[in-house]
Protein backbone atom coordinates (compact mmCIF):
# COMPACT_ATOMS: atom_id res chain seq x y z
CA MET A 1 -23.88 20.93 -10.71
CA GLN A 2 -23.29 23.48 -13.41
CA ILE A 3 -22.02 22.19 -16.73
CA ASP A 4 -18.91 24.44 -16.62
CA ALA A 5 -17.89 22.92 -13.30
CA LEU A 6 -18.42 19.41 -14.68
CA ARG A 7 -16.32 20.22 -17.74
CA THR A 8 -13.52 21.47 -15.52
CA GLN A 9 -13.76 18.35 -13.37
CA PHE A 10 -13.96 15.75 -16.16
CA VAL A 11 -12.84 16.87 -19.66
CA GLY A 12 -9.40 15.46 -20.46
CA LYS A 13 -9.40 13.32 -17.33
CA THR A 14 -9.23 9.53 -17.06
CA VAL A 15 -12.28 7.75 -15.68
CA TRP A 16 -13.34 4.17 -14.96
CA LEU A 17 -16.76 2.62 -15.03
CA LYS A 18 -17.76 1.99 -11.43
CA SER A 19 -18.39 -1.61 -12.49
CA GLY A 20 -14.80 -1.95 -13.76
CA GLY A 21 -13.27 -2.09 -17.20
CA THR A 22 -10.85 -0.13 -19.34
CA PRO A 23 -9.70 3.39 -18.42
CA MET A 24 -11.36 6.03 -20.60
CA THR A 25 -10.67 9.67 -21.43
CA VAL A 26 -13.53 12.16 -21.20
CA GLU A 27 -13.84 14.18 -24.41
CA GLN A 28 -16.79 16.35 -23.47
CA VAL A 29 -19.67 16.84 -21.05
CA ILE A 30 -23.12 17.41 -22.50
CA GLU A 31 -26.49 18.19 -20.98
CA THR A 32 -29.41 16.06 -22.15
CA PRO A 33 -33.05 15.89 -21.04
CA ASP A 34 -31.98 12.81 -19.01
CA GLY A 35 -29.18 14.65 -17.21
CA PHE A 36 -25.48 15.18 -17.78
CA LYS A 37 -23.58 12.72 -19.96
CA LEU A 38 -19.89 12.15 -20.61
CA ASP A 39 -18.58 11.42 -24.10
CA CYS A 40 -15.64 9.07 -23.51
CA CYS A 41 -13.06 7.33 -25.67
CA TRP A 42 -10.71 4.41 -25.07
CA VAL A 43 -8.67 1.69 -26.73
CA ASP A 44 -10.17 -1.70 -25.95
CA ARG A 45 -6.94 -3.65 -25.55
CA PRO A 46 -3.18 -3.02 -25.65
CA GLY A 47 -1.89 -2.85 -29.21
CA SER A 48 -5.31 -2.12 -30.67
CA LYS A 49 -5.53 0.80 -33.08
CA LYS A 50 -9.31 1.03 -32.91
CA MET A 51 -10.67 3.88 -30.82
CA GLU A 52 -13.95 3.11 -29.06
CA ARG A 53 -16.44 5.78 -27.98
CA ALA A 54 -19.53 5.91 -25.80
CA ARG A 55 -21.82 8.40 -24.11
CA LEU A 56 -22.09 7.49 -20.43
CA ASN A 57 -24.17 8.58 -17.47
CA LEU A 58 -22.24 10.78 -15.09
CA GLU A 59 -23.27 8.51 -12.20
CA SER A 60 -21.73 5.41 -13.83
CA VAL A 61 -18.09 6.60 -13.76
CA GLU A 62 -15.50 7.75 -11.27
CA LEU A 63 -12.26 9.64 -11.76
CA ALA A 64 -9.31 7.28 -12.08
CA SER A 65 -7.42 9.21 -9.39
CA ARG A 66 -10.21 8.31 -6.94
CA ALA A 67 -10.79 4.77 -8.16
CA PRO A 68 -9.00 1.75 -6.73
CA MET A 69 -6.26 0.34 -8.95
CA ARG A 70 -7.63 -2.23 -11.37
CA ILE A 71 -4.51 -3.82 -12.78
CA LYS A 72 -4.84 -7.19 -14.47
CA PHE A 73 -1.89 -9.54 -14.48
CA PHE A 74 -1.76 -12.06 -17.29
């Protein structure tokens, strides 16, 4: 896939790790020698003011609109 197409598909969108977890927003798509990576940000828990960031493999995430709902009830 071309990087421009990936940027259109992912930047500004909400994604989930395929293994579960917190919803994340994709900030940018970059090309590395190991393939395409997504720079993502999220807030770890409700009420937290600390923004977390990570660079993730494209294959490890899915768009939230395609992912099953992962709502936790407390």
